Amino acid sequence: MPGSGDNAIRIPVSNPPAEVAGRLPVRVSSASQQHTSSRRSGPGRIDGEPEEVPPTMTSLAPRRPFYPQPRLILFDLDNTICDYRTARITRTRHAFSPWFQAEGDLEEAVHAAMQYPTEGDEHLAEVLADYGIDASGVAELARQRFVEDRFRGLRLFEEALDAIAVISEVASVGLVTNGPSTIQRAKIEMFRLEARFPVIVVSEEVGSWKPDPRIFAIALERSGHRPEDAIYVGDSADHDIPGARAAGMRSVWVNRWGMTWPGGEEPDASIATL
């Protein structure tokens, strides 16, 4: 974000609002608490899915400019530019709604499903069974409702395009995203991001997934910039921040839901919005 006078890009630490947007209004029973606490991480996440409802954010870095001024800003897509998390909640609620009469029970089941760190549909049957819904064919019907519109409820974050436009006035920009090409390219087309980003790198297309530094190296090469001249902006503490650092870049953690930094080497800055 351009500063005054010297055009330095300043990315301040921001405190999230008291009520975190997008958090589920759930009524969690003791059985649901036991159910959700047993979830473990696994493969299959698309960019930056929070693994659980997050605690309060801890600020990581003081307000300060980036020096030397970055010549390239690379962005993550999901949960950085578009709100994939809320869309996943919307799709899960749509998938489950025919089998829950009570709204509170439906919200508990949706909350339980969100504890799975995957964007796929394999977990739906298990969640339904945990709530006593295991009749023949129900899981398949729920799966069909989940996948019938993969972009149901998917929106850009309100400030995203304006922020990218402003940054583009003082630096080159690009997009680096994990996920299947068919899905990620469809999102890019839906939001017309090709016009915003001269360089777009999708993991499946290059055979490298964040946090592998090779995917960042590909973006740097296509952009014509050195790692020390670039910053990566993303929401995943597991994929974006360590991957960018391994590639020799500075990093900014987009922490929209007030998560606590999980440990390890910290990003250069933390922000709540772009």
Protein backbone atom coordinates (compact mmCIF):
# COMPACT_ATOMS: atom_id res chain seq x y z
CA MET A 1 0.00 0.00 0.00
CA PRO A 2 1.73 3.17 -1.09
CA GLY A 3 3.01 5.55 1.53
CA SER A 4 3.33 9.29 1.14
CA GLY A 5 6.38 11.04 -0.22
CA ASP A 6 8.78 8.16 -0.83
CA ASN A 7 6.13 5.76 -2.26
CA ALA A 8 7.26 3.06 0.16
CA ILE A 9 4.77 0.23 0.60
CA ARG A 10 3.65 0.11 4.22
CA ILE A 11 1.75 -2.90 5.49
CA PRO A 12 0.64 -2.27 9.09
CA VAL A 13 -0.48 -4.69 11.72
CA SER A 14 -4.25 -4.48 12.08
CA ASN A 15 -6.42 -5.60 14.95
CA PRO A 16 -9.50 -7.59 13.88
CA PRO A 17 -13.01 -6.48 14.81
CA ALA A 18 -14.42 -7.79 18.06
CA GLU A 19 -16.95 -9.91 16.21
CA VAL A 20 -15.07 -11.91 13.61
CA ALA A 21 -16.95 -12.00 10.30
CA GLY A 22 -17.94 -15.40 9.01
CA ARG A 23 -17.81 -17.25 12.33
CA LEU A 24 -20.57 -19.83 12.65
CA PRO A 25 -23.36 -19.13 15.16
CA VAL A 26 -23.26 -22.65 16.56
CA ARG A 27 -24.62 -24.28 19.67
CA VAL A 28 -21.97 -26.85 20.55
CA SER A 29 -23.02 -29.80 22.67
CA SER A 30 -20.58 -31.89 24.71
CA ALA A 31 -20.85 -34.62 22.06
CA SER A 32 -19.99 -32.13 19.34
CA GLN A 33 -17.01 -30.86 21.35
CA GLN A 34 -15.70 -34.39 21.66
CA HIS A 35 -16.38 -34.95 17.96
CA THR A 36 -14.54 -31.85 16.75
CA SER A 37 -11.57 -32.10 19.09
CA SER A 38 -10.53 -35.41 17.53
CA ARG A 39 -10.03 -33.99 14.02
CA ARG A 40 -6.54 -34.16 12.60
CA SER A 41 -4.89 -32.30 9.78
CA GLY A 42 -4.56 -33.93 6.40
CA PRO A 43 -3.82 -33.30 2.75
CA GLY A 44 -6.19 -31.89 0.19
CA ARG A 45 -6.59 -28.29 1.28
CA ILE A 46 -7.01 -25.56 -1.29
CA ASP A 47 -5.25 -22.32 -0.38
CA GLY A 48 -5.44 -21.34 3.23
CA GLU A 49 -8.39 -23.06 4.87
CA PRO A 50 -8.42 -22.47 8.64
CA GLU A 51 -8.37 -25.84 10.36
CA GLU A 52 -10.60 -24.75 13.24
CA VAL A 53 -12.52 -21.77 14.56
CA PRO A 54 -9.61 -19.49 15.42
CA PRO A 55 -8.67 -17.83 18.71
CA THR A 56 -7.84 -14.16 19.03
CA MET A 57 -5.06 -12.81 16.84
CA THR A 58 -1.69 -11.98 18.32
CA SER A 59 0.05 -9.09 16.52
CA LEU A 60 3.40 -10.09 15.12
CA ALA A 61 5.19 -7.05 13.80
CA PRO A 62 5.26 -3.30 14.42
CA ARG A 63 3.98 -0.77 11.90
CA ARG A 64 6.88 -0.17 9.53
CA PRO A 65 7.67 0.21 5.85
CA PHE A 66 9.30 -2.49 3.75
CA TYR A 67 12.80 -1.51 2.71
CA PRO A 68 14.02 -1.88 0.11
CA GLN A 69 10.74 -1.04 -1.54
CA PRO A 70 9.37 -4.22 -3.15
CA ARG A 71 9.15 -4.26 -6.91
CA LEU A 72 6.86 -7.30 -7.03
CA ILE A 73 3.88 -8.27 -4.83
CA LEU A 74 2.63 -11.83 -5.30
CA PHE A 75 -0.77 -12.80 -3.89
CA ASP A 76 -2.44 -15.97 -2.76
CA LEU A 77 -6.04 -16.48 -3.99
CA ASP A 78 -8.29 -18.38 -1.55
CA ASN A 79 -9.00 -16.58 1.72
CA THR A 80 -6.69 -13.77 0.63
CA ILE A 81 -8.50 -12.33 -2.39
CA CYS A 82 -11.71 -14.40 -2.37
CA ASP A 83 -13.63 -15.69 0.64
CA TYR A 84 -13.35 -19.44 0.16
CA ARG A 85 -14.01 -20.22 3.82
CA THR A 86 -17.45 -18.63 3.87
CA ALA A 87 -18.30 -20.27 0.54
CA ARG A 88 -17.38 -23.68 1.96
CA ILE A 89 -19.67 -23.05 4.93
CA THR A 90 -22.48 -22.07 2.54
CA ARG A 91 -22.00 -25.19 0.40
CA THR A 92 -21.91 -27.48 3.44
CA ARG A 93 -25.08 -25.95 4.85
CA HIS A 94 -26.79 -26.46 1.48
CA ALA A 95 -25.61 -30.09 1.38
CA PHE A 96 -26.88 -30.91 4.88
CA SER A 97 -30.07 -28.83 5.16
CA PRO A 98 -32.63 -31.44 3.95
CA TRP A 99 -31.75 -33.79 6.82
CA PHE A 100 -31.83 -31.39 9.79
CA GLN A 101 -35.14 -30.02 11.04
CA ALA A 102 -33.63 -27.92 13.84
CA GLU A 103 -31.46 -24.99 12.78
CA GLY A 104 -29.18 -25.48 15.79
CA ASP A 105 -28.48 -29.08 14.85
CA LEU A 106 -27.71 -28.07 11.27
CA GLU A 107 -25.25 -25.42 12.43
CA GLU A 108 -23.52 -27.91 14.72
CA ALA A 109 -23.11 -30.36 11.83
CA VAL A 110 -21.76 -27.63 9.55
CA HIS A 111 -19.34 -26.58 12.27
CA ALA A 112 -18.18 -30.19 12.64
CA ALA A 113 -17.64 -30.51 8.89
CA MET A 114 -15.51 -27.37 8.86
CA GLN A 115 -13.02 -28.99 11.22
CA TYR A 116 -11.87 -31.24 8.40
CA PRO A 117 -8.91 -29.56 6.68
CA THR A 118 -10.03 -30.55 3.19
CA GLU A 119 -11.98 -28.89 0.41
CA GLY A 120 -13.27 -32.22 -0.91
CA ASP A 121 -16.47 -34.10 -0.07
CA GLU A 122 -15.13 -37.33 1.43
CA HIS A 123 -15.85 -36.18 4.99
CA LEU A 124 -19.57 -35.48 4.51
CA ALA A 125 -20.71 -39.07 5.04
CA GLU A 126 -18.74 -39.36 8.27
CA VAL A 127 -20.16 -36.14 9.68
CA LEU A 128 -23.72 -37.17 8.82
CA ALA A 129 -23.19 -40.59 10.42
CA ASP A 130 -21.88 -38.92 13.58
CA TYR A 131 -25.20 -37.12 13.80
CA GLY A 132 -27.20 -40.30 13.30
CA ILE A 133 -27.96 -39.76 9.62
CA ASP A 134 -26.69 -42.85 7.86
CA ALA A 135 -29.63 -44.06 5.76
CA SER A 136 -28.75 -45.60 2.44
CA GLY A 137 -28.14 -43.01 -0.25
CA VAL A 138 -28.23 -39.95 2.00
CA ALA A 139 -24.49 -39.37 1.95
CA GLU A 140 -24.43 -39.51 -1.85
CA LEU A 141 -27.33 -37.07 -2.11
CA ALA A 142 -25.54 -34.70 0.27
CA ARG A 143 -22.35 -35.03 -1.78
CA GLN A 144 -24.24 -34.19 -4.97
CA ARG A 145 -25.71 -31.08 -3.35
CA PHE A 146 -22.23 -30.08 -2.16
CA VAL A 147 -20.57 -30.35 -5.59
CA GLU A 148 -23.42 -29.17 -7.82
CA ASP A 149 -22.17 -25.60 -7.57
CA ARG A 150 -18.54 -25.44 -6.46
CA PHE A 151 -18.66 -21.66 -6.33
CA ARG A 152 -21.89 -21.24 -4.37
CA GLY A 153 -21.43 -18.24 -2.09
CA LEU A 154 -17.91 -17.48 -3.33
CA ARG A 155 -17.20 -13.75 -3.32
CA LEU A 156 -14.23 -11.44 -3.54
CA PHE A 157 -13.35 -9.69 -0.32
CA GLU A 158 -14.75 -6.19 -0.49
CA GLU A 159 -11.42 -4.37 -0.57
CA ALA A 160 -9.49 -6.83 -2.73
CA LEU A 161 -9.72 -5.29 -6.20
CA ASP A 162 -9.18 -1.74 -5.00
CA ALA A 163 -6.11 -2.80 -3.00
CA ILE A 164 -4.65 -4.67 -5.98
CA ALA A 165 -5.26 -1.67 -8.24
CA VAL A 166 -3.48 0.70 -5.87
CA ILE A 167 -0.54 -1.65 -5.39
CA SER A 168 -0.28 -2.11 -9.17
CA GLU A 169 0.49 1.59 -9.48
CA VAL A 170 3.77 1.23 -7.57
CA ALA A 171 4.81 -2.41 -8.10
CA SER A 172 4.33 -5.41 -10.35
CA VAL A 173 1.76 -7.95 -9.16
CA GLY A 174 1.14 -11.65 -9.64
CA LEU A 175 -0.94 -14.55 -8.36
CA VAL A 176 0.31 -17.89 -6.98
CA THR A 177 -2.36 -20.40 -5.96
CA ASN A 178 -2.60 -24.03 -4.87
CA GLY A 179 -5.32 -26.24 -6.30
CA PRO A 180 -6.56 -28.15 -9.34
CA SER A 181 -6.29 -26.13 -12.52
CA THR A 182 -9.94 -26.60 -13.50
CA ILE A 183 -11.18 -25.19 -10.19
CA GLN A 184 -8.66 -22.39 -9.70
CA ARG A 185 -8.81 -21.23 -13.32
CA ALA A 186 -12.61 -21.13 -13.12
CA LYS A 187 -12.38 -18.83 -10.09
CA ILE A 188 -9.83 -16.64 -11.86
CA GLU A 189 -12.13 -16.35 -14.88
CA MET A 190 -15.22 -15.75 -12.76
CA PHE A 191 -13.59 -12.79 -11.04
CA ARG A 192 -11.80 -11.63 -14.21
CA LEU A 193 -8.44 -11.70 -12.46
CA GLU A 194 -6.45 -12.28 -15.65
CA ALA A 195 -6.75 -8.55 -16.31
CA ARG A 196 -5.39 -7.79 -12.84
CA PHE A 197 -2.42 -10.15 -12.76
CA PRO A 198 0.08 -10.34 -15.64
CA VAL A 199 1.56 -13.47 -14.02
CA ILE A 200 -0.65 -16.30 -12.69
CA VAL A 201 0.83 -19.57 -11.45
CA VAL A 202 -1.47 -22.50 -10.56
CA SER A 203 0.16 -25.38 -8.70
CA GLU A 204 -1.25 -28.24 -10.78
CA GLU A 205 -0.07 -26.59 -13.98
CA VAL A 206 3.55 -26.36 -12.85
CA GLY A 207 3.78 -29.54 -10.76
CA SER A 208 4.71 -27.73 -7.57
CA TRP A 209 2.55 -26.84 -4.57
CA LYS A 210 3.15 -24.31 -1.83
CA PRO A 211 5.13 -24.43 0.42
CA ASP A 212 7.55 -25.85 -2.17
CA PRO A 213 9.79 -22.88 -3.03
CA ARG A 214 9.86 -23.95 -6.68
CA ILE A 215 6.36 -22.57 -7.33
CA PHE A 216 7.49 -19.17 -6.04
CA ALA A 217 10.66 -19.40 -8.14
CA ILE A 218 8.51 -19.97 -11.23
CA ALA A 219 6.46 -16.86 -10.47
CA LEU A 220 9.62 -14.83 -9.88
CA GLU A 221 11.13 -16.02 -13.16
CA ARG A 222 7.98 -15.20 -15.12
CA SER A 223 7.81 -11.79 -13.47
CA GLY A 224 11.47 -10.99 -14.08
CA HIS A 225 12.22 -10.14 -10.45
CA ARG A 226 14.64 -11.37 -7.80
CA PRO A 227 13.38 -12.90 -4.52
CA GLU A 228 14.80 -10.06 -2.45
CA ASP A 229 12.72 -7.60 -4.49
CA ALA A 230 9.44 -9.43 -3.88
CA ILE A 231 6.81 -9.90 -1.16
CA TYR A 232 4.28 -12.72 -0.93
CA VAL A 233 0.87 -12.00 0.61
CA GLY A 234 -1.14 -15.00 1.81
CA ASP A 235 -3.27 -16.42 4.61
CA SER A 236 -1.74 -19.85 5.21
CA ALA A 237 0.78 -20.15 8.03
CA ASP A 238 1.58 -23.65 6.75
CA HIS A 239 1.95 -23.01 3.02
CA ASP A 240 2.27 -19.32 2.16
CA ILE A 241 4.61 -17.88 4.77
CA PRO A 242 7.19 -20.70 5.03
CA GLY A 243 7.12 -21.24 1.27
CA ALA A 244 7.82 -17.60 0.52
CA ARG A 245 10.63 -17.51 3.06
CA ALA A 246 12.18 -20.68 1.61
CA ALA A 247 12.14 -18.95 -1.79
CA GLY A 248 14.02 -15.97 -0.35
CA MET A 249 11.04 -13.60 -0.30
CA ARG A 250 9.56 -11.41 2.40
CA SER A 251 6.04 -12.28 3.49
CA VAL A 252 2.79 -10.77 4.77
CA TRP A 253 0.31 -12.93 6.65
CA VAL A 254 -3.35 -12.15 5.88
CA ASN A 255 -5.10 -12.99 9.13
CA ARG A 256 -8.77 -12.24 8.46
CA TRP A 257 -10.21 -14.42 11.23
CA GLY A 258 -8.04 -13.40 14.13
CA MET A 259 -5.93 -16.53 14.40
CA THR A 260 -2.97 -16.84 16.72
CA TRP A 261 0.34 -17.40 14.94
CA PRO A 262 0.96 -21.15 15.31
CA GLY A 263 4.69 -20.90 15.92
CA GLY A 264 7.81 -21.08 13.85
CA GLU A 265 9.52 -18.23 12.02
CA GLU A 266 7.14 -15.30 11.81
CA PRO A 267 6.09 -13.36 8.71
CA ASP A 268 7.50 -9.91 8.14
CA ALA A 269 4.08 -8.38 8.80
CA SER A 270 0.50 -9.34 9.63
CA ILE A 271 -2.68 -7.69 8.33
CA ALA A 272 -6.40 -8.29 8.82
CA THR A 273 -7.43 -7.07 5.34
CA LEU A 274 -5.62 -6.15 2.15
